[in-house]
Amino acid sequence: MEKISVIKGDIAYLPFHVDAIVNAANSALVPGGGVDGAINKKAGPDLGRAMLKFGGTPTGTVVYTPAFDLNADYVIHAVGPRYQDGEHGEAELLATAYQSIMKLAQKLEVNSLAIPFLSTGVYGYPLEEAINIAMENVKKFNLDARIYFVAFDESTEKIAKKRL
């Protein structure tokens, strides 16, 4: 069995338990839309309250909370960059976000982790480049855990599976 896989679905409604789910959060850590909205809706209002207690976190960093009503133990809230033109350090910030996820997952001693492709929704990061950065940084960390990249749609899933 491969240690890293790509699955298609809604990360908030995984049909199996994982130790941690990664949320594509905003830097204010205020419940928003997209992946963040879906995770907050499924987890219930306690998740949003827990997020707000941090008072925000910079782009490229992570914080974690309990998972509340999600099929997980923890939610790792990761802040990816908004894509401007690729000339404002976006690739470095996105790589740092994935590195931060992996370091925290190691600290939490997770055995399974579900990760969306950060910054590819409303933050506008070009999909193929974002997938390459995600895969490269997760693979090189070599966390001793089962990692599921969760693609929201079929086209993302196909591109990501080619990069495995």
C-alpha atoms as a PDB file:
ATOM      1  CA  MET A   1       0.000   0.000   0.000  1.00  0.00           C
ATOM      2  CA  GLU A   2       1.311   3.433  -0.926  1.00  0.00           C
ATOM      3  CA  LYS A   3       1.980   5.844   1.933  1.00  0.00           C
ATOM      4  CA  ILE A   4       0.703   8.842  -0.076  1.00  0.00           C
ATOM      5  CA  SER A   5      -2.465   8.705  -2.138  1.00  0.00           C
ATOM      6  CA  VAL A   6      -4.905  11.028  -3.873  1.00  0.00           C
ATOM      7  CA  ILE A   7      -8.635  10.647  -3.343  1.00  0.00           C
ATOM      8  CA  LYS A   8     -11.568  12.670  -4.686  1.00  0.00           C
ATOM      9  CA  GLY A   9     -14.163  13.988  -2.308  1.00  0.00           C
ATOM     10  CA  ASP A  10     -15.151  16.549   0.275  1.00  0.00           C
ATOM     11  CA  ILE A  11     -12.453  16.653   2.957  1.00  0.00           C
ATOM     12  CA  ALA A  12     -15.076  17.541   5.577  1.00  0.00           C
ATOM     13  CA  TYR A  13     -17.000  14.323   4.885  1.00  0.00           C
ATOM     14  CA  LEU A  14     -14.298  11.664   4.687  1.00  0.00           C
ATOM     15  CA  PRO A  15     -15.814   8.163   4.853  1.00  0.00           C
ATOM     16  CA  PHE A  16     -13.015   7.035   7.203  1.00  0.00           C
ATOM     17  CA  HIS A  17     -11.223   8.371  10.281  1.00  0.00           C
ATOM     18  CA  VAL A  18      -7.904  10.210  10.064  1.00  0.00           C
ATOM     19  CA  ASP A  19      -5.864  11.552  12.939  1.00  0.00           C
ATOM     20  CA  ALA A  20      -5.774  15.042  11.419  1.00  0.00           C
ATOM     21  CA  ILE A  21      -7.534  16.984   8.685  1.00  0.00           C
ATOM     22  CA  VAL A  22      -5.846  20.052   7.220  1.00  0.00           C
ATOM     23  CA  ASN A  23      -8.035  23.106   6.820  1.00  0.00           C
ATOM     24  CA  ALA A  24      -7.282  25.752   4.183  1.00  0.00           C
ATOM     25  CA  ALA A  25      -7.680  28.664   6.596  1.00  0.00           C
ATOM     26  CA  ASN A  26      -7.357  32.411   6.166  1.00  0.00           C
ATOM     27  CA  SER A  27      -4.804  34.390   8.178  1.00  0.00           C
ATOM     28  CA  ALA A  28      -7.503  35.862  10.441  1.00  0.00           C
ATOM     29  CA  LEU A  29      -8.614  32.300  11.322  1.00  0.00           C
ATOM     30  CA  VAL A  30     -12.191  33.407  10.799  1.00  0.00           C
ATOM     31  CA  PRO A  31     -14.445  30.693   9.342  1.00  0.00           C
ATOM     32  CA  GLY A  32     -14.764  31.399   5.621  1.00  0.00           C
ATOM     33  CA  GLY A  33     -15.789  29.666   2.399  1.00  0.00           C
ATOM     34  CA  GLY A  34     -14.495  26.787   0.289  1.00  0.00           C
ATOM     35  CA  VAL A  35     -12.681  24.035   2.199  1.00  0.00           C
ATOM     36  CA  ASP A  36     -12.716  26.191   5.341  1.00  0.00           C
ATOM     37  CA  GLY A  37     -16.467  26.696   5.121  1.00  0.00           C
ATOM     38  CA  ALA A  38     -17.157  22.987   4.559  1.00  0.00           C
ATOM     39  CA  ILE A  39     -14.935  21.955   7.472  1.00  0.00           C
ATOM     40  CA  ASN A  40     -16.498  24.510   9.811  1.00  0.00           C
ATOM     41  CA  LYS A  41     -20.028  23.529   8.805  1.00  0.00           C
ATOM     42  CA  LYS A  42     -19.395  19.821   9.447  1.00  0.00           C
ATOM     43  CA  ALA A  43     -17.350  20.337  12.637  1.00  0.00           C
ATOM     44  CA  GLY A  44     -19.954  22.605  14.214  1.00  0.00           C
ATOM     45  CA  PRO A  45     -19.717  26.058  15.824  1.00  0.00           C
ATOM     46  CA  ASP A  46     -17.138  25.005  18.433  1.00  0.00           C
ATOM     47  CA  LEU A  47     -14.477  24.810  15.713  1.00  0.00           C
ATOM     48  CA  GLY A  48     -14.956  28.430  14.675  1.00  0.00           C
ATOM     49  CA  ARG A  49     -14.817  29.535  18.317  1.00  0.00           C
ATOM     50  CA  ALA A  50     -11.598  27.548  18.831  1.00  0.00           C
ATOM     51  CA  MET A  51     -10.059  29.116  15.711  1.00  0.00           C
ATOM     52  CA  LEU A  52     -10.887  32.653  16.834  1.00  0.00           C
ATOM     53  CA  LYS A  53      -9.026  32.162  20.135  1.00  0.00           C
ATOM     54  CA  PHE A  54      -5.717  32.274  18.240  1.00  0.00           C
ATOM     55  CA  GLY A  55      -6.346  35.797  16.949  1.00  0.00           C
ATOM     56  CA  GLY A  56      -4.952  34.880  13.529  1.00  0.00           C
ATOM     57  CA  THR A  57      -1.721  33.396  12.179  1.00  0.00           C
ATOM     58  CA  PRO A  58       0.576  34.540   9.346  1.00  0.00           C
ATOM     59  CA  THR A  59       0.616  33.090   5.830  1.00  0.00           C
ATOM     60  CA  GLY A  60       2.728  29.938   5.703  1.00  0.00           C
ATOM     61  CA  THR A  61       2.026  28.979   9.315  1.00  0.00           C
ATOM     62  CA  VAL A  62      -0.309  26.539  11.059  1.00  0.00           C
ATOM     63  CA  VAL A  63      -2.239  26.132  14.295  1.00  0.00           C
ATOM     64  CA  TYR A  64      -4.364  23.216  15.443  1.00  0.00           C
ATOM     65  CA  THR A  65      -7.623  22.601  17.253  1.00  0.00           C
ATOM     66  CA  PRO A  66      -9.710  19.587  18.196  1.00  0.00           C
ATOM     67  CA  ALA A  67     -11.769  18.274  15.266  1.00  0.00           C
ATOM     68  CA  PHE A  68     -15.105  18.404  17.087  1.00  0.00           C
ATOM     69  CA  ASP A  69     -17.723  16.710  14.821  1.00  0.00           C
ATOM     70  CA  LEU A  70     -15.297  15.796  12.007  1.00  0.00           C
ATOM     71  CA  ASN A  71     -14.108  12.234  11.440  1.00  0.00           C
ATOM     72  CA  ALA A  72     -10.678  13.114  12.895  1.00  0.00           C
ATOM     73  CA  ASP A  73      -8.925  13.971  16.143  1.00  0.00           C
ATOM     74  CA  TYR A  74      -7.359  17.277  15.101  1.00  0.00           C
ATOM     75  CA  VAL A  75      -7.749  20.024  12.536  1.00  0.00           C
ATOM     76  CA  ILE A  76      -4.505  21.622  11.382  1.00  0.00           C
ATOM     77  CA  HIS A  77      -5.362  25.106  10.120  1.00  0.00           C
ATOM     78  CA  ALA A  78      -2.861  26.070   7.407  1.00  0.00           C
ATOM     79  CA  VAL A  79      -2.685  29.475   5.752  1.00  0.00           C
ATOM     80  CA  GLY A  80      -1.605  29.390   2.127  1.00  0.00           C
ATOM     81  CA  PRO A  81      -0.784  32.488   0.075  1.00  0.00           C
ATOM     82  CA  ARG A  82      -3.069  34.442  -2.201  1.00  0.00           C
ATOM     83  CA  TYR A  83      -1.649  34.144  -5.706  1.00  0.00           C
ATOM     84  CA  GLN A  84      -0.800  37.484  -7.300  1.00  0.00           C
ATOM     85  CA  ASP A  85       1.580  36.894 -10.190  1.00  0.00           C
ATOM     86  CA  GLY A  86       4.153  34.438  -8.876  1.00  0.00           C
ATOM     87  CA  GLU A  87       6.608  37.258  -8.215  1.00  0.00           C
ATOM     88  CA  HIS A  88       5.695  37.935  -4.575  1.00  0.00           C
ATOM     89  CA  GLY A  89       7.129  34.867  -2.852  1.00  0.00           C
ATOM     90  CA  GLU A  90       3.980  32.802  -3.325  1.00  0.00           C
ATOM     91  CA  ALA A  91       5.828  29.543  -4.074  1.00  0.00           C
ATOM     92  CA  GLU A  92       8.012  29.903  -0.984  1.00  0.00           C
ATOM     93  CA  LEU A  93       5.014  30.710   1.214  1.00  0.00           C
ATOM     94  CA  LEU A  94       3.064  27.739  -0.129  1.00  0.00           C
ATOM     95  CA  ALA A  95       6.048  25.426   0.416  1.00  0.00           C
ATOM     96  CA  THR A  96       6.428  26.792   3.948  1.00  0.00           C
ATOM     97  CA  ALA A  97       2.750  26.101   4.660  1.00  0.00           C
ATOM     98  CA  TYR A  98       3.165  22.429   3.682  1.00  0.00           C
ATOM     99  CA  GLN A  99       6.411  22.161   5.666  1.00  0.00           C
ATOM    100  CA  SER A 100       4.608  23.636   8.683  1.00  0.00           C
ATOM    101  CA  ILE A 101       1.797  21.094   8.285  1.00  0.00           C
ATOM    102  CA  MET A 102       4.254  18.224   8.242  1.00  0.00           C
ATOM    103  CA  LYS A 103       6.219  19.479  11.263  1.00  0.00           C
ATOM    104  CA  LEU A 104       3.037  19.863  13.299  1.00  0.00           C
ATOM    105  CA  ALA A 105       1.730  16.460  12.171  1.00  0.00           C
ATOM    106  CA  GLN A 106       5.002  14.936  13.372  1.00  0.00           C
ATOM    107  CA  LYS A 107       4.728  16.756  16.712  1.00  0.00           C
ATOM    108  CA  LEU A 108       1.139  15.504  17.128  1.00  0.00           C
ATOM    109  CA  GLU A 109       2.335  11.975  16.239  1.00  0.00           C
ATOM    110  CA  VAL A 110      -0.403  11.466  13.663  1.00  0.00           C
ATOM    111  CA  ASN A 111      -0.622   8.176  11.791  1.00  0.00           C
ATOM    112  CA  SER A 112      -2.993   9.499   9.120  1.00  0.00           C
ATOM    113  CA  LEU A 113      -3.465  12.919   7.588  1.00  0.00           C
ATOM    114  CA  ALA A 114      -5.901  14.365   5.015  1.00  0.00           C
ATOM    115  CA  ILE A 115      -4.644  17.419   3.113  1.00  0.00           C
ATOM    116  CA  PRO A 116      -6.398  19.632   0.541  1.00  0.00           C
ATOM    117  CA  PHE A 117      -4.466  21.467  -2.162  1.00  0.00           C
ATOM    118  CA  LEU A 118      -3.945  24.826  -0.451  1.00  0.00           C
ATOM    119  CA  SER A 119      -4.494  28.151  -2.227  1.00  0.00           C
ATOM    120  CA  THR A 120      -6.047  26.574  -5.353  1.00  0.00           C
ATOM    121  CA  GLY A 121      -9.579  27.859  -4.778  1.00  0.00           C
ATOM    122  CA  VAL A 122     -10.422  31.511  -4.217  1.00  0.00           C
ATOM    123  CA  TYR A 123      -6.729  32.256  -3.528  1.00  0.00           C
ATOM    124  CA  GLY A 124      -6.133  31.607  -7.242  1.00  0.00           C
ATOM    125  CA  TYR A 125      -2.914  29.581  -7.216  1.00  0.00           C
ATOM    126  CA  PRO A 126      -2.325  27.838 -10.576  1.00  0.00           C
ATOM    127  CA  LEU A 127      -3.433  24.260  -9.964  1.00  0.00           C
ATOM    128  CA  GLU A 128      -0.552  22.274 -11.464  1.00  0.00           C
ATOM    129  CA  GLU A 129       2.104  24.411  -9.794  1.00  0.00           C
ATOM    130  CA  ALA A 130       0.304  24.211  -6.437  1.00  0.00           C
ATOM    131  CA  ILE A 131       0.029  20.416  -6.713  1.00  0.00           C
ATOM    132  CA  ASN A 132       3.746  20.156  -7.555  1.00  0.00           C
ATOM    133  CA  ILE A 133       4.665  22.231  -4.495  1.00  0.00           C
ATOM    134  CA  ALA A 134       2.348  20.188  -2.272  1.00  0.00           C
ATOM    135  CA  MET A 135       3.669  16.829  -3.438  1.00  0.00           C
ATOM    136  CA  GLU A 136       7.328  17.872  -3.333  1.00  0.00           C
ATOM    137  CA  ASN A 137       7.163  19.237   0.208  1.00  0.00           C
ATOM    138  CA  VAL A 138       5.076  16.433   1.669  1.00  0.00           C
ATOM    139  CA  LYS A 139       7.204  13.703   0.062  1.00  0.00           C
ATOM    140  CA  LYS A 140      10.548  15.156   1.125  1.00  0.00           C
ATOM    141  CA  PHE A 141       9.434  15.413   4.757  1.00  0.00           C
ATOM    142  CA  ASN A 142       8.928  11.629   4.820  1.00  0.00           C
ATOM    143  CA  LEU A 143       6.460  11.596   7.726  1.00  0.00           C
ATOM    144  CA  ASP A 144       5.747   8.106   9.025  1.00  0.00           C
ATOM    145  CA  ALA A 145       2.011   8.390   8.370  1.00  0.00           C
ATOM    146  CA  ARG A 146      -0.651   7.573   5.797  1.00  0.00           C
ATOM    147  CA  ILE A 147      -1.248  10.763   3.803  1.00  0.00           C
ATOM    148  CA  TYR A 148      -4.364  11.412   1.737  1.00  0.00           C
ATOM    149  CA  PHE A 149      -4.376  14.374  -0.620  1.00  0.00           C
ATOM    150  CA  VAL A 150      -8.057  15.173  -1.044  1.00  0.00           C
ATOM    151  CA  ALA A 151      -9.024  16.562  -4.461  1.00  0.00           C
ATOM    152  CA  PHE A 152     -12.371  18.310  -4.631  1.00  0.00           C
ATOM    153  CA  ASP A 153     -13.025  17.467  -8.289  1.00  0.00           C
ATOM    154  CA  GLU A 154     -12.059  14.930 -10.941  1.00  0.00           C
ATOM    155  CA  SER A 155      -9.695  17.192 -12.900  1.00  0.00           C
ATOM    156  CA  THR A 156      -7.676  17.993  -9.755  1.00  0.00           C
ATOM    157  CA  GLU A 157      -7.611  14.302  -8.871  1.00  0.00           C
ATOM    158  CA  LYS A 158      -6.265  13.357 -12.330  1.00  0.00           C
ATOM    159  CA  ILE A 159      -3.510  15.982 -12.261  1.00  0.00           C
ATOM    160  CA  ALA A 160      -2.499  15.042  -8.719  1.00  0.00           C
ATOM    161  CA  LYS A 161      -2.398  11.297  -9.409  1.00  0.00           C
ATOM    162  CA  LYS A 162       0.049  11.927 -12.258  1.00  0.00           C
ATOM    163  CA  ARG A 163       2.378  13.644  -9.759  1.00  0.00           C
ATOM    164  CA  LEU A 164       2.443  10.803  -7.219  1.00  0.00           C
END
